[in-house]
Amino acid sequence: MQTFFIVAILALGFIITFQIAKASEYVAVLRGYERSRKQTNKINGFLLLAFLIIGLIGVVYCNERLKDKILGAPASDHGILVDRMLYVTLAITFIVFVLTQIALFWFSYKYQEKENQKAFYFPHDNKLEMIWTVIPAITLTILVGFGIFYWFKITGPAPKDAVQVEVVGKQFGWEFRYPGKDQVLGKKYFKNVNPAASNPAGQIWEDPANHDDIFVEQEMHLVVNKPVQLVIGAKDVIHDVGLAHFRLKMDAVPGTPTTMWFTPTVTTADMRKKTGNPDFVYEISCDQMCGKGHWSMRGVIVVETQEEYDAWMASKKPQYLVANPDKDPSVKKDTAAAPVPVTAAVIR
């Protein structure tokens, strides 16, 4: 029924528009087509000029009203560079936008059809074509050059003191694996993935580097002002690690690990104070359509001090011990042997 009403409303709107157009045509015939056309042309010229003025005022107003209010200031070192590149790009394109829009609407108004006015026509101008080809080409080359520079900086080798965190996307959530005291992520094999056996990451238990790795889901913890390298992958389909507050994103591809690194610069607690929002959290979202539950694929990132991070890590048990509780020294084992009954034989 709802679909029927929508179709009926659209059909009715089309009929009304068609009838108005026909009525306008009849009025033009009665008033004189030539006179009506010239009057309509003049009205359109004024409307274009008004649209230009109101539109530019709207652009400036929206920029001032919404600037820095959607995502706020970047919370990573690379984010500052990305924002700087974005602002330079916006400044250049804004200048071009304003000049071209003013020229478009002003020319439409100034050179509207008038008596005894004839349009000047020229088929070719080498100088003009050189200007509108060379200048944009140079500008775009510079912008693309900055983009490539930042891209290789983000995806290049991380600092030596960077903490590695493995990020794996799945329908529809996130998994994180941290190296233990050895600061080395253990090897894994996709055929070893077995959540029922407490091995959701597919770790190879024979690899000693896996014995202290920490596995968590949906919540990633990072240390403020300490670089972190994300080793990114996926279990099923292509996902995308979206870190909007840090101005970063990277595809998560099954079987093809990708990496990027950054340094978070503002803790979650400080960001809550800055934004005035006590419920603020950093998000990790999936920025690649990955199925019907894509909208819900969201995780939380907690940026904290080194002391808070160490306390959080200390509260976690290595996944090796979760999967092999018999290897856990903290689990009390009943090692006392059962008492052996003593029988006395009486020889008579």
C-alpha atoms as a PDB file:
ATOM      1  CA  MET A   1       0.000   0.000   0.000  1.00  0.00           C
ATOM      2  CA  GLN A   2       2.830   2.408   0.824  1.00  0.00           C
ATOM      3  CA  THR A   3       4.457   1.764  -2.549  1.00  0.00           C
ATOM      4  CA  PHE A   4       1.139   2.435  -4.273  1.00  0.00           C
ATOM      5  CA  PHE A   5       0.783   5.828  -2.545  1.00  0.00           C
ATOM      6  CA  ILE A   6       4.342   6.816  -3.452  1.00  0.00           C
ATOM      7  CA  VAL A   7       3.770   5.938  -7.115  1.00  0.00           C
ATOM      8  CA  ALA A   8       0.417   7.772  -7.077  1.00  0.00           C
ATOM      9  CA  ILE A   9       1.994  10.911  -5.581  1.00  0.00           C
ATOM     10  CA  LEU A  10       4.814  10.880  -8.160  1.00  0.00           C
ATOM     11  CA  ALA A  11       2.316  10.406 -10.995  1.00  0.00           C
ATOM     12  CA  LEU A  12       0.147  13.231  -9.643  1.00  0.00           C
ATOM     13  CA  GLY A  13       3.181  15.513  -9.387  1.00  0.00           C
ATOM     14  CA  PHE A  14       4.100  14.762 -12.995  1.00  0.00           C
ATOM     15  CA  ILE A  15       0.553  15.529 -14.181  1.00  0.00           C
ATOM     16  CA  ILE A  16       0.469  18.828 -12.259  1.00  0.00           C
ATOM     17  CA  THR A  17       3.849  19.884 -13.665  1.00  0.00           C
ATOM     18  CA  PHE A  18       2.746  18.976 -17.172  1.00  0.00           C
ATOM     19  CA  GLN A  19      -0.487  20.953 -16.827  1.00  0.00           C
ATOM     20  CA  ILE A  20       1.363  24.011 -15.494  1.00  0.00           C
ATOM     21  CA  ALA A  21       3.732  23.864 -18.468  1.00  0.00           C
ATOM     22  CA  LYS A  22       0.831  23.631 -20.888  1.00  0.00           C
ATOM     23  CA  ALA A  23      -0.960  26.542 -19.182  1.00  0.00           C
ATOM     24  CA  SER A  24       2.211  28.639 -19.388  1.00  0.00           C
ATOM     25  CA  GLU A  25       2.429  27.844 -23.090  1.00  0.00           C
ATOM     26  CA  TYR A  26      -1.185  28.959 -23.661  1.00  0.00           C
ATOM     27  CA  VAL A  27      -0.565  32.161 -21.705  1.00  0.00           C
ATOM     28  CA  ALA A  28       2.504  32.838 -23.823  1.00  0.00           C
ATOM     29  CA  VAL A  29       0.444  32.443 -26.984  1.00  0.00           C
ATOM     30  CA  LEU A  30      -2.228  34.831 -25.699  1.00  0.00           C
ATOM     31  CA  ARG A  31       0.277  37.434 -24.547  1.00  0.00           C
ATOM     32  CA  GLY A  32       2.515  37.065 -27.538  1.00  0.00           C
ATOM     33  CA  TYR A  33       5.225  34.480 -27.612  1.00  0.00           C
ATOM     34  CA  GLU A  34       8.109  36.844 -28.332  1.00  0.00           C
ATOM     35  CA  ARG A  35       7.222  39.252 -25.562  1.00  0.00           C
ATOM     36  CA  SER A  36       6.657  36.447 -23.067  1.00  0.00           C
ATOM     37  CA  ARG A  37       9.968  34.787 -23.921  1.00  0.00           C
ATOM     38  CA  LYS A  38      11.951  38.005 -23.418  1.00  0.00           C
ATOM     39  CA  GLN A  39      10.262  38.696 -20.098  1.00  0.00           C
ATOM     40  CA  THR A  40      10.898  35.144 -18.889  1.00  0.00           C
ATOM     41  CA  ASN A  41      14.519  35.422 -20.011  1.00  0.00           C
ATOM     42  CA  LYS A  42      14.989  38.599 -17.953  1.00  0.00           C
ATOM     43  CA  ILE A  43      13.439  36.985 -14.869  1.00  0.00           C
ATOM     44  CA  ASN A  44      15.738  33.981 -15.231  1.00  0.00           C
ATOM     45  CA  GLY A  45      18.741  36.308 -15.449  1.00  0.00           C
ATOM     46  CA  PHE A  46      17.837  37.988 -12.150  1.00  0.00           C
ATOM     47  CA  LEU A  47      17.161  34.608 -10.523  1.00  0.00           C
ATOM     48  CA  LEU A  48      20.601  33.360 -11.572  1.00  0.00           C
ATOM     49  CA  LEU A  49      22.226  36.453 -10.054  1.00  0.00           C
ATOM     50  CA  ALA A  50      20.231  36.004  -6.831  1.00  0.00           C
ATOM     51  CA  PHE A  51      21.184  32.310  -6.708  1.00  0.00           C
ATOM     52  CA  LEU A  52      24.854  33.281  -7.043  1.00  0.00           C
ATOM     53  CA  ILE A  53      24.737  35.719  -4.122  1.00  0.00           C
ATOM     54  CA  ILE A  54      22.617  33.535  -1.831  1.00  0.00           C
ATOM     55  CA  GLY A  55      24.640  30.438  -2.736  1.00  0.00           C
ATOM     56  CA  LEU A  56      28.009  32.030  -1.905  1.00  0.00           C
ATOM     57  CA  ILE A  57      26.635  33.371   1.377  1.00  0.00           C
ATOM     58  CA  GLY A  58      25.378  29.862   2.163  1.00  0.00           C
ATOM     59  CA  VAL A  59      28.789  28.331   1.407  1.00  0.00           C
ATOM     60  CA  VAL A  60      30.576  30.769   3.741  1.00  0.00           C
ATOM     61  CA  TYR A  61      27.940  30.309   6.472  1.00  0.00           C
ATOM     62  CA  CYS A  62      28.071  26.511   6.359  1.00  0.00           C
ATOM     63  CA  ASN A  63      31.869  26.557   6.417  1.00  0.00           C
ATOM     64  CA  GLU A  64      31.992  28.772   9.510  1.00  0.00           C
ATOM     65  CA  ARG A  65      29.158  26.920  11.240  1.00  0.00           C
ATOM     66  CA  LEU A  66      30.333  23.355  10.642  1.00  0.00           C
ATOM     67  CA  LYS A  67      34.110  23.738  10.449  1.00  0.00           C
ATOM     68  CA  ASP A  68      35.860  21.492  13.011  1.00  0.00           C
ATOM     69  CA  LYS A  69      32.503  20.278  14.362  1.00  0.00           C
ATOM     70  CA  ILE A  70      32.056  17.029  12.430  1.00  0.00           C
ATOM     71  CA  LEU A  71      35.215  15.141  13.424  1.00  0.00           C
ATOM     72  CA  GLY A  72      37.054  17.745  15.447  1.00  0.00           C
ATOM     73  CA  ALA A  73      40.804  18.187  15.460  1.00  0.00           C
ATOM     74  CA  PRO A  74      42.926  15.208  14.356  1.00  0.00           C
ATOM     75  CA  ALA A  75      44.140  12.947  17.162  1.00  0.00           C
ATOM     76  CA  SER A  76      47.304  11.612  15.507  1.00  0.00           C
ATOM     77  CA  ASP A  77      50.543  12.922  14.057  1.00  0.00           C
ATOM     78  CA  HIS A  78      49.663  11.819  10.531  1.00  0.00           C
ATOM     79  CA  GLY A  79      46.189  13.295  10.938  1.00  0.00           C
ATOM     80  CA  ILE A  80      47.683  16.779  11.185  1.00  0.00           C
ATOM     81  CA  LEU A  81      49.440  16.295   7.835  1.00  0.00           C
ATOM     82  CA  VAL A  82      46.318  14.857   6.208  1.00  0.00           C
ATOM     83  CA  ASP A  83      44.220  17.794   7.430  1.00  0.00           C
ATOM     84  CA  ARG A  84      46.844  20.239   6.192  1.00  0.00           C
ATOM     85  CA  MET A  85      46.759  18.651   2.743  1.00  0.00           C
ATOM     86  CA  LEU A  86      42.956  18.719   2.815  1.00  0.00           C
ATOM     87  CA  TYR A  87      42.857  22.410   3.711  1.00  0.00           C
ATOM     88  CA  VAL A  88      45.326  23.293   0.931  1.00  0.00           C
ATOM     89  CA  THR A  89      43.216  21.326  -1.549  1.00  0.00           C
ATOM     90  CA  LEU A  90      40.022  23.004  -0.331  1.00  0.00           C
ATOM     91  CA  ALA A  91      41.629  26.458  -0.544  1.00  0.00           C
ATOM     92  CA  ILE A  92      42.731  25.933  -4.142  1.00  0.00           C
ATOM     93  CA  THR A  93      39.452  24.388  -5.265  1.00  0.00           C
ATOM     94  CA  PHE A  94      37.472  27.066  -3.380  1.00  0.00           C
ATOM     95  CA  ILE A  95      39.227  29.831  -5.312  1.00  0.00           C
ATOM     96  CA  VAL A  96      38.518  28.030  -8.591  1.00  0.00           C
ATOM     97  CA  PHE A  97      34.930  27.354  -7.497  1.00  0.00           C
ATOM     98  CA  VAL A  98      34.233  30.992  -6.613  1.00  0.00           C
ATOM     99  CA  LEU A  99      35.795  32.391  -9.793  1.00  0.00           C
ATOM    100  CA  THR A 100      34.042  29.924 -12.108  1.00  0.00           C
ATOM    101  CA  GLN A 101      30.647  30.298 -10.399  1.00  0.00           C
ATOM    102  CA  ILE A 102      30.829  34.094 -10.447  1.00  0.00           C
ATOM    103  CA  ALA A 103      31.796  33.989 -14.119  1.00  0.00           C
ATOM    104  CA  LEU A 104      29.031  31.494 -14.929  1.00  0.00           C
ATOM    105  CA  PHE A 105      26.142  33.308 -13.254  1.00  0.00           C
ATOM    106  CA  TRP A 106      27.336  36.866 -13.919  1.00  0.00           C
ATOM    107  CA  PHE A 107      27.825  36.146 -17.621  1.00  0.00           C
ATOM    108  CA  SER A 108      24.375  34.520 -17.747  1.00  0.00           C
ATOM    109  CA  TYR A 109      22.897  37.708 -16.304  1.00  0.00           C
ATOM    110  CA  LYS A 110      24.993  40.329 -18.098  1.00  0.00           C
ATOM    111  CA  TYR A 111      24.897  38.756 -21.547  1.00  0.00           C
ATOM    112  CA  GLN A 112      21.289  37.675 -21.616  1.00  0.00           C
ATOM    113  CA  GLU A 113      19.418  38.180 -24.842  1.00  0.00           C
ATOM    114  CA  LYS A 114      18.975  41.873 -25.694  1.00  0.00           C
ATOM    115  CA  GLU A 115      17.979  43.900 -28.693  1.00  0.00           C
ATOM    116  CA  ASN A 116      20.830  44.701 -31.110  1.00  0.00           C
ATOM    117  CA  GLN A 117      23.278  42.463 -29.194  1.00  0.00           C
ATOM    118  CA  LYS A 118      25.119  39.735 -31.038  1.00  0.00           C
ATOM    119  CA  ALA A 119      27.298  37.038 -29.464  1.00  0.00           C
ATOM    120  CA  PHE A 120      30.987  37.038 -30.357  1.00  0.00           C
ATOM    121  CA  TYR A 121      32.132  33.652 -31.662  1.00  0.00           C
ATOM    122  CA  PHE A 122      35.672  32.368 -31.971  1.00  0.00           C
ATOM    123  CA  PRO A 123      36.456  28.688 -32.651  1.00  0.00           C
ATOM    124  CA  HIS A 124      39.992  28.403 -31.279  1.00  0.00           C
ATOM    125  CA  ASP A 125      42.467  30.118 -28.941  1.00  0.00           C
ATOM    126  CA  ASN A 126      45.837  28.461 -28.251  1.00  0.00           C
ATOM    127  CA  LYS A 127      46.736  30.776 -25.370  1.00  0.00           C
ATOM    128  CA  LEU A 128      43.449  30.158 -23.567  1.00  0.00           C
ATOM    129  CA  GLU A 129      43.709  26.394 -23.995  1.00  0.00           C
ATOM    130  CA  MET A 130      47.295  26.420 -22.695  1.00  0.00           C
ATOM    131  CA  ILE A 131      46.191  28.350 -19.597  1.00  0.00           C
ATOM    132  CA  TRP A 132      43.298  26.069 -18.653  1.00  0.00           C
ATOM    133  CA  THR A 133      45.346  22.935 -19.378  1.00  0.00           C
ATOM    134  CA  VAL A 134      48.805  23.686 -17.979  1.00  0.00           C
ATOM    135  CA  ILE A 135      47.788  25.457 -14.738  1.00  0.00           C
ATOM    136  CA  PRO A 136      45.373  22.708 -13.559  1.00  0.00           C
ATOM    137  CA  ALA A 137      47.910  20.031 -14.598  1.00  0.00           C
ATOM    138  CA  ILE A 138      50.680  21.628 -12.518  1.00  0.00           C
ATOM    139  CA  THR A 139      48.344  22.187  -9.549  1.00  0.00           C
ATOM    140  CA  LEU A 140      47.047  18.610  -9.579  1.00  0.00           C
ATOM    141  CA  THR A 141      50.581  17.238  -9.942  1.00  0.00           C
ATOM    142  CA  ILE A 142      51.655  19.110  -6.797  1.00  0.00           C
ATOM    143  CA  LEU A 143      48.589  17.913  -4.847  1.00  0.00           C
ATOM    144  CA  VAL A 144      49.061  14.311  -5.982  1.00  0.00           C
ATOM    145  CA  GLY A 145      52.753  14.551  -5.081  1.00  0.00           C
ATOM    146  CA  PHE A 146      51.879  15.570  -1.513  1.00  0.00           C
ATOM    147  CA  GLY A 147      49.338  12.732  -1.355  1.00  0.00           C
ATOM    148  CA  ILE A 148      51.906  10.141  -2.461  1.00  0.00           C
ATOM    149  CA  PHE A 149      54.446  11.518   0.026  1.00  0.00           C
ATOM    150  CA  TYR A 150      52.013  11.208   2.936  1.00  0.00           C
ATOM    151  CA  TRP A 151      50.846   7.775   1.732  1.00  0.00           C
ATOM    152  CA  PHE A 152      54.371   6.344   1.744  1.00  0.00           C
ATOM    153  CA  LYS A 153      55.001   7.971   5.117  1.00  0.00           C
ATOM    154  CA  ILE A 154      51.907   6.315   6.624  1.00  0.00           C
ATOM    155  CA  THR A 155      52.492   2.903   5.031  1.00  0.00           C
ATOM    156  CA  GLY A 156      56.286   2.945   5.249  1.00  0.00           C
ATOM    157  CA  PRO A 157      58.501   1.431   7.962  1.00  0.00           C
ATOM    158  CA  ALA A 158      57.318   2.234  11.471  1.00  0.00           C
ATOM    159  CA  PRO A 159      59.694   3.587  14.156  1.00  0.00           C
ATOM    160  CA  LYS A 160      61.698   0.969  16.014  1.00  0.00           C
ATOM    161  CA  ASP A 161      59.810   1.580  19.262  1.00  0.00           C
ATOM    162  CA  ALA A 162      56.396   1.121  17.617  1.00  0.00           C
ATOM    163  CA  VAL A 163      54.025  -1.431  19.148  1.00  0.00           C
ATOM    164  CA  GLN A 164      52.585  -3.939  16.693  1.00  0.00           C
ATOM    165  CA  VAL A 165      48.880  -4.698  16.846  1.00  0.00           C
ATOM    166  CA  GLU A 166      47.203  -7.170  14.538  1.00  0.00           C
ATOM    167  CA  VAL A 167      43.767  -6.035  13.342  1.00  0.00           C
ATOM    168  CA  VAL A 168      41.508  -8.590  11.649  1.00  0.00           C
ATOM    169  CA  GLY A 169      38.081  -7.834  10.226  1.00  0.00           C
ATOM    170  CA  LYS A 170      35.294 -10.367  10.035  1.00  0.00           C
ATOM    171  CA  GLN A 171      31.568 -10.240   9.396  1.00  0.00           C
ATOM    172  CA  PHE A 172      30.737  -8.173  11.401  1.00  0.00           C
ATOM    173  CA  GLY A 173      33.326  -7.247  14.011  1.00  0.00           C
ATOM    174  CA  TRP A 174      36.996  -6.728  14.800  1.00  0.00           C
ATOM    175  CA  GLU A 175      39.687  -8.894  16.385  1.00  0.00           C
ATOM    176  CA  PHE A 176      42.944  -7.583  17.882  1.00  0.00           C
ATOM    177  CA  ARG A 177      46.113  -9.456  18.818  1.00  0.00           C
ATOM    178  CA  TYR A 178      48.973  -7.977  20.835  1.00  0.00           C
ATOM    179  CA  PRO A 179      52.492  -9.352  21.244  1.00  0.00           C
ATOM    180  CA  GLY A 180      53.542 -10.175  24.783  1.00  0.00           C
ATOM    181  CA  LYS A 181      56.809  -9.330  26.506  1.00  0.00           C
ATOM    182  CA  ASP A 182      58.799 -10.624  23.555  1.00  0.00           C
ATOM    183  CA  GLN A 183      57.179  -7.926  21.369  1.00  0.00           C
ATOM    184  CA  VAL A 184      56.778 -10.468  18.550  1.00  0.00           C
ATOM    185  CA  LEU A 185      53.487 -11.646  17.085  1.00  0.00           C
ATOM    186  CA  GLY A 186      53.426 -15.422  16.779  1.00  0.00           C
ATOM    187  CA  LYS A 187      52.762 -17.242  13.524  1.00  0.00           C
ATOM    188  CA  LYS A 188      49.270 -18.278  12.532  1.00  0.00           C
ATOM    189  CA  TYR A 189      47.590 -20.446   9.897  1.00  0.00           C
ATOM    190  CA  PHE A 190      44.070 -19.978   8.602  1.00  0.00           C
ATOM    191  CA  LYS A 191      43.279 -23.678   8.908  1.00  0.00           C
ATOM    192  CA  ASN A 192      43.983 -23.438  12.637  1.00  0.00           C
ATOM    193  CA  VAL A 193      41.120 -20.984  13.184  1.00  0.00           C
ATOM    194  CA  ASN A 194      38.851 -22.690  15.704  1.00  0.00           C
ATOM    195  CA  PRO A 195      36.865 -20.489  18.101  1.00  0.00           C
ATOM    196  CA  ALA A 196      35.439 -23.580  19.800  1.00  0.00           C
ATOM    197  CA  ALA A 197      38.987 -24.584  20.790  1.00  0.00           C
ATOM    198  CA  SER A 198      39.785 -21.027  21.991  1.00  0.00           C
ATOM    199  CA  ASN A 199      41.898 -20.321  18.906  1.00  0.00           C
ATOM    200  CA  PRO A 200      39.897 -17.695  16.940  1.00  0.00           C
ATOM    201  CA  ALA A 201      43.032 -16.173  15.378  1.00  0.00           C
ATOM    202  CA  GLY A 202      44.424 -19.477  14.082  1.00  0.00           C
ATOM    203  CA  GLN A 203      47.633 -19.258  16.124  1.00  0.00           C
ATOM    204  CA  ILE A 204      50.235 -22.004  15.824  1.00  0.00           C
ATOM    205  CA  TRP A 205      50.799 -23.104  19.402  1.00  0.00           C
ATOM    206  CA  GLU A 206      54.106 -24.780  18.503  1.00  0.00           C
ATOM    207  CA  ASP A 207      55.548 -21.321  17.871  1.00  0.00           C
ATOM    208  CA  PRO A 208      56.945 -20.026  21.216  1.00  0.00           C
ATOM    209  CA  ALA A 209      56.215 -16.434  20.147  1.00  0.00           C
ATOM    210  CA  ASN A 210      52.490 -17.248  20.438  1.00  0.00           C
ATOM    211  CA  HIS A 211      52.691 -18.234  24.099  1.00  0.00           C
ATOM    212  CA  ASP A 212      52.380 -14.657  25.388  1.00  0.00           C
ATOM    213  CA  ASP A 213      50.183 -13.054  22.677  1.00  0.00           C
ATOM    214  CA  ILE A 214      47.004 -11.355  23.903  1.00  0.00           C
ATOM    215  CA  PHE A 215      43.754 -11.716  21.951  1.00  0.00           C
ATOM    216  CA  VAL A 216      40.782  -9.357  22.378  1.00  0.00           C
ATOM    217  CA  GLU A 217      37.702  -8.433  20.392  1.00  0.00           C
ATOM    218  CA  GLN A 218      35.996  -5.122  19.605  1.00  0.00           C
ATOM    219  CA  GLU A 219      38.241  -2.940  21.797  1.00  0.00           C
ATOM    220  CA  MET A 220      41.754  -1.809  20.942  1.00  0.00           C
ATOM    221  CA  HIS A 221      44.003  -0.090  23.498  1.00  0.00           C
ATOM    222  CA  LEU A 222      46.801   2.283  22.461  1.00  0.00           C
ATOM    223  CA  VAL A 223      49.371   4.344  24.346  1.00  0.00           C
ATOM    224  CA  VAL A 224      49.302   8.106  23.848  1.00  0.00           C
ATOM    225  CA  ASN A 225      52.365   9.599  22.103  1.00  0.00           C
ATOM    226  CA  LYS A 226      53.705   6.127  21.285  1.00  0.00           C
ATOM    227  CA  PRO A 227      53.774   4.907  17.666  1.00  0.00           C
ATOM    228  CA  VAL A 228      51.721   1.862  16.773  1.00  0.00           C
ATOM    229  CA  GLN A 229      51.893  -0.265  13.641  1.00  0.00           C
ATOM    230  CA  LEU A 230      48.709  -1.998  12.580  1.00  0.00           C
ATOM    231  CA  VAL A 231      49.055  -5.315  10.745  1.00  0.00           C
ATOM    232  CA  ILE A 232      45.711  -5.602   8.972  1.00  0.00           C
ATOM    233  CA  GLY A 233      43.900  -8.595   7.529  1.00  0.00           C
ATOM    234  CA  ALA A 234      40.443 -10.131   7.072  1.00  0.00           C
ATOM    235  CA  LYS A 235      38.873 -13.541   7.594  1.00  0.00           C
ATOM    236  CA  ASP A 236      36.110 -13.594   5.005  1.00  0.00           C
ATOM    237  CA  VAL A 237      35.528 -10.663   2.626  1.00  0.00           C
ATOM    238  CA  ILE A 238      37.264  -7.332   2.024  1.00  0.00           C
ATOM    239  CA  HIS A 239      36.781  -4.916   4.899  1.00  0.00           C
ATOM    240  CA  ASP A 240      38.347  -1.518   5.541  1.00  0.00           C
ATOM    241  CA  VAL A 241      39.896  -0.183   8.737  1.00  0.00           C
ATOM    242  CA  GLY A 242      38.474   3.310   9.092  1.00  0.00           C
ATOM    243  CA  LEU A 243      40.024   5.528  11.783  1.00  0.00           C
ATOM    244  CA  ALA A 244      38.205   8.804  11.209  1.00  0.00           C
ATOM    245  CA  HIS A 245      39.525  10.602  14.305  1.00  0.00           C
ATOM    246  CA  PHE A 246      43.091   9.716  13.305  1.00  0.00           C
ATOM    247  CA  ARG A 247      42.421  10.519   9.597  1.00  0.00           C
ATOM    248  CA  LEU A 248      43.526   7.071   8.421  1.00  0.00           C
ATOM    249  CA  LYS A 249      42.032   4.145   6.548  1.00  0.00           C
ATOM    250  CA  MET A 250      43.346   0.938   5.020  1.00  0.00           C
ATOM    251  CA  ASP A 251      41.805  -2.054   3.247  1.00  0.00           C
ATOM    252  CA  ALA A 252      41.634  -5.348   5.116  1.00  0.00           C
ATOM    253  CA  VAL A 253      42.073  -8.056   2.478  1.00  0.00           C
ATOM    254  CA  PRO A 254      41.839 -11.819   3.112  1.00  0.00           C
ATOM    255  CA  GLY A 255      45.242 -13.451   2.608  1.00  0.00           C
ATOM    256  CA  THR A 256      47.037 -10.171   1.901  1.00  0.00           C
ATOM    257  CA  PRO A 257      48.272  -8.347   5.019  1.00  0.00           C
ATOM    258  CA  THR A 258      48.462  -4.551   4.832  1.00  0.00           C
ATOM    259  CA  THR A 259      50.134  -2.193   7.282  1.00  0.00           C
ATOM    260  CA  MET A 260      50.077   1.412   8.411  1.00  0.00           C
ATOM    261  CA  TRP A 261      51.401   3.249  11.445  1.00  0.00           C
ATOM    262  CA  PHE A 262      50.610   6.392  13.385  1.00  0.00           C
ATOM    263  CA  THR A 263      51.068   7.991  16.783  1.00  0.00           C
ATOM    264  CA  PRO A 264      47.938   8.856  18.791  1.00  0.00           C
ATOM    265  CA  THR A 265      48.375  12.276  20.414  1.00  0.00           C
ATOM    266  CA  VAL A 266      45.270  12.753  22.567  1.00  0.00           C
ATOM    267  CA  THR A 267      43.956  10.326  25.174  1.00  0.00           C
ATOM    268  CA  THR A 268      40.312   9.358  25.264  1.00  0.00           C
ATOM    269  CA  ALA A 269      39.948  11.124  28.635  1.00  0.00           C
ATOM    270  CA  ASP A 270      41.431  14.370  27.280  1.00  0.00           C
ATOM    271  CA  MET A 271      39.255  14.200  24.172  1.00  0.00           C
ATOM    272  CA  ARG A 272      36.172  13.887  26.369  1.00  0.00           C
ATOM    273  CA  LYS A 273      37.190  17.102  28.106  1.00  0.00           C
ATOM    274  CA  LYS A 274      37.897  18.879  24.813  1.00  0.00           C
ATOM    275  CA  THR A 275      34.605  17.892  23.235  1.00  0.00           C
ATOM    276  CA  GLY A 276      32.563  18.230  26.411  1.00  0.00           C
ATOM    277  CA  ASN A 277      31.130  14.810  25.663  1.00  0.00           C
ATOM    278  CA  PRO A 278      31.556  12.360  28.573  1.00  0.00           C
ATOM    279  CA  ASP A 279      30.562   9.473  26.292  1.00  0.00           C
ATOM    280  CA  PHE A 280      33.112  10.203  23.553  1.00  0.00           C
ATOM    281  CA  VAL A 281      34.991   7.204  22.159  1.00  0.00           C
ATOM    282  CA  TYR A 282      37.427   6.751  19.284  1.00  0.00           C
ATOM    283  CA  GLU A 283      35.959   4.463  16.654  1.00  0.00           C
ATOM    284  CA  ILE A 284      37.258   1.833  14.302  1.00  0.00           C
ATOM    285  CA  SER A 285      34.697   1.366  11.565  1.00  0.00           C
ATOM    286  CA  CYS A 286      34.441  -0.675   8.399  1.00  0.00           C
ATOM    287  CA  ASP A 287      34.575   1.709   5.416  1.00  0.00           C
ATOM    288  CA  GLN A 288      33.956  -0.989   2.807  1.00  0.00           C
ATOM    289  CA  MET A 289      30.520  -2.463   2.109  1.00  0.00           C
ATOM    290  CA  CYS A 290      30.923  -6.021   3.397  1.00  0.00           C
ATOM    291  CA  GLY A 291      27.418  -7.453   3.789  1.00  0.00           C
ATOM    292  CA  LYS A 292      24.051  -6.845   5.384  1.00  0.00           C
ATOM    293  CA  GLY A 293      25.590  -6.221   8.815  1.00  0.00           C
ATOM    294  CA  HIS A 294      28.134  -3.683   7.523  1.00  0.00           C
ATOM    295  CA  TRP A 295      26.425  -0.810   9.351  1.00  0.00           C
ATOM    296  CA  SER A 296      27.064  -2.468  12.729  1.00  0.00           C
ATOM    297  CA  MET A 297      30.750  -3.275  12.186  1.00  0.00           C
ATOM    298  CA  ARG A 298      32.152  -0.886  14.753  1.00  0.00           C
ATOM    299  CA  GLY A 299      34.837  -1.172  17.402  1.00  0.00           C
ATOM    300  CA  VAL A 300      36.206   1.068  20.139  1.00  0.00           C
ATOM    301  CA  ILE A 301      39.733   2.442  20.497  1.00  0.00           C
ATOM    302  CA  VAL A 302      40.944   3.489  23.931  1.00  0.00           C
ATOM    303  CA  VAL A 303      43.939   5.849  23.965  1.00  0.00           C
ATOM    304  CA  GLU A 304      45.485   5.965  27.418  1.00  0.00           C
ATOM    305  CA  THR A 305      48.687   6.533  29.364  1.00  0.00           C
ATOM    306  CA  GLN A 306      51.474   3.971  29.531  1.00  0.00           C
ATOM    307  CA  GLU A 307      50.548   3.091  33.126  1.00  0.00           C
ATOM    308  CA  GLU A 308      46.895   2.498  32.218  1.00  0.00           C
ATOM    309  CA  TYR A 309      47.917   0.435  29.201  1.00  0.00           C
ATOM    310  CA  ASP A 310      50.292  -1.714  31.266  1.00  0.00           C
ATOM    311  CA  ALA A 311      47.556  -2.323  33.824  1.00  0.00           C
ATOM    312  CA  TRP A 312      45.136  -3.339  31.078  1.00  0.00           C
ATOM    313  CA  MET A 313      47.672  -5.732  29.528  1.00  0.00           C
ATOM    314  CA  ALA A 314      48.409  -7.240  32.941  1.00  0.00           C
ATOM    315  CA  SER A 315      44.697  -7.993  33.367  1.00  0.00           C
ATOM    316  CA  LYS A 316      44.653 -10.092  30.181  1.00  0.00           C
ATOM    317  CA  LYS A 317      45.624 -13.739  29.928  1.00  0.00           C
ATOM    318  CA  PRO A 318      47.632 -14.959  26.899  1.00  0.00           C
ATOM    319  CA  GLN A 319      45.433 -16.838  24.465  1.00  0.00           C
ATOM    320  CA  TYR A 320      47.812 -19.796  24.640  1.00  0.00           C
ATOM    321  CA  LEU A 321      46.890 -20.303  28.294  1.00  0.00           C
ATOM    322  CA  VAL A 322      43.198 -19.813  27.542  1.00  0.00           C
ATOM    323  CA  ALA A 323      43.377 -22.582  24.926  1.00  0.00           C
ATOM    324  CA  ASN A 324      45.679 -24.752  27.053  1.00  0.00           C
ATOM    325  CA  PRO A 325      44.618 -24.320  30.687  1.00  0.00           C
ATOM    326  CA  ASP A 326      46.781 -27.256  31.717  1.00  0.00           C
ATOM    327  CA  LYS A 327      49.817 -25.088  30.844  1.00  0.00           C
ATOM    328  CA  ASP A 328      48.632 -22.202  33.032  1.00  0.00           C
ATOM    329  CA  PRO A 329      50.792 -21.987  36.171  1.00  0.00           C
ATOM    330  CA  SER A 330      48.176 -19.814  37.864  1.00  0.00           C
ATOM    331  CA  VAL A 331      45.641 -22.625  37.802  1.00  0.00           C
ATOM    332  CA  LYS A 332      45.849 -24.677  41.004  1.00  0.00           C
ATOM    333  CA  LYS A 333      46.352 -28.324  40.338  1.00  0.00           C
ATOM    334  CA  ASP A 334      45.547 -31.089  42.802  1.00  0.00           C
ATOM    335  CA  THR A 335      48.847 -32.909  42.833  1.00  0.00           C
ATOM    336  CA  ALA A 336      48.340 -34.733  46.126  1.00  0.00           C
ATOM    337  CA  ALA A 337      48.238 -38.489  45.586  1.00  0.00           C
ATOM    338  CA  ALA A 338      45.245 -40.383  46.835  1.00  0.00           C
ATOM    339  CA  PRO A 339      46.000 -42.123  50.165  1.00  0.00           C
ATOM    340  CA  VAL A 340      46.881 -45.788  49.798  1.00  0.00           C
ATOM    341  CA  PRO A 341      45.004 -47.955  52.311  1.00  0.00           C
ATOM    342  CA  VAL A 342      47.310 -49.896  54.588  1.00  0.00           C
ATOM    343  CA  THR A 343      46.281 -53.385  55.559  1.00  0.00           C
ATOM    344  CA  ALA A 344      47.935 -55.345  58.278  1.00  0.00           C
ATOM    345  CA  ALA A 345      48.380 -59.035  57.842  1.00  0.00           C
ATOM    346  CA  VAL A 346      48.323 -61.099  60.997  1.00  0.00           C
ATOM    347  CA  ILE A 347      50.205 -64.342  60.763  1.00  0.00           C
ATOM    348  CA  ARG A 348      49.084 -66.860  63.174  1.00  0.00           C
END
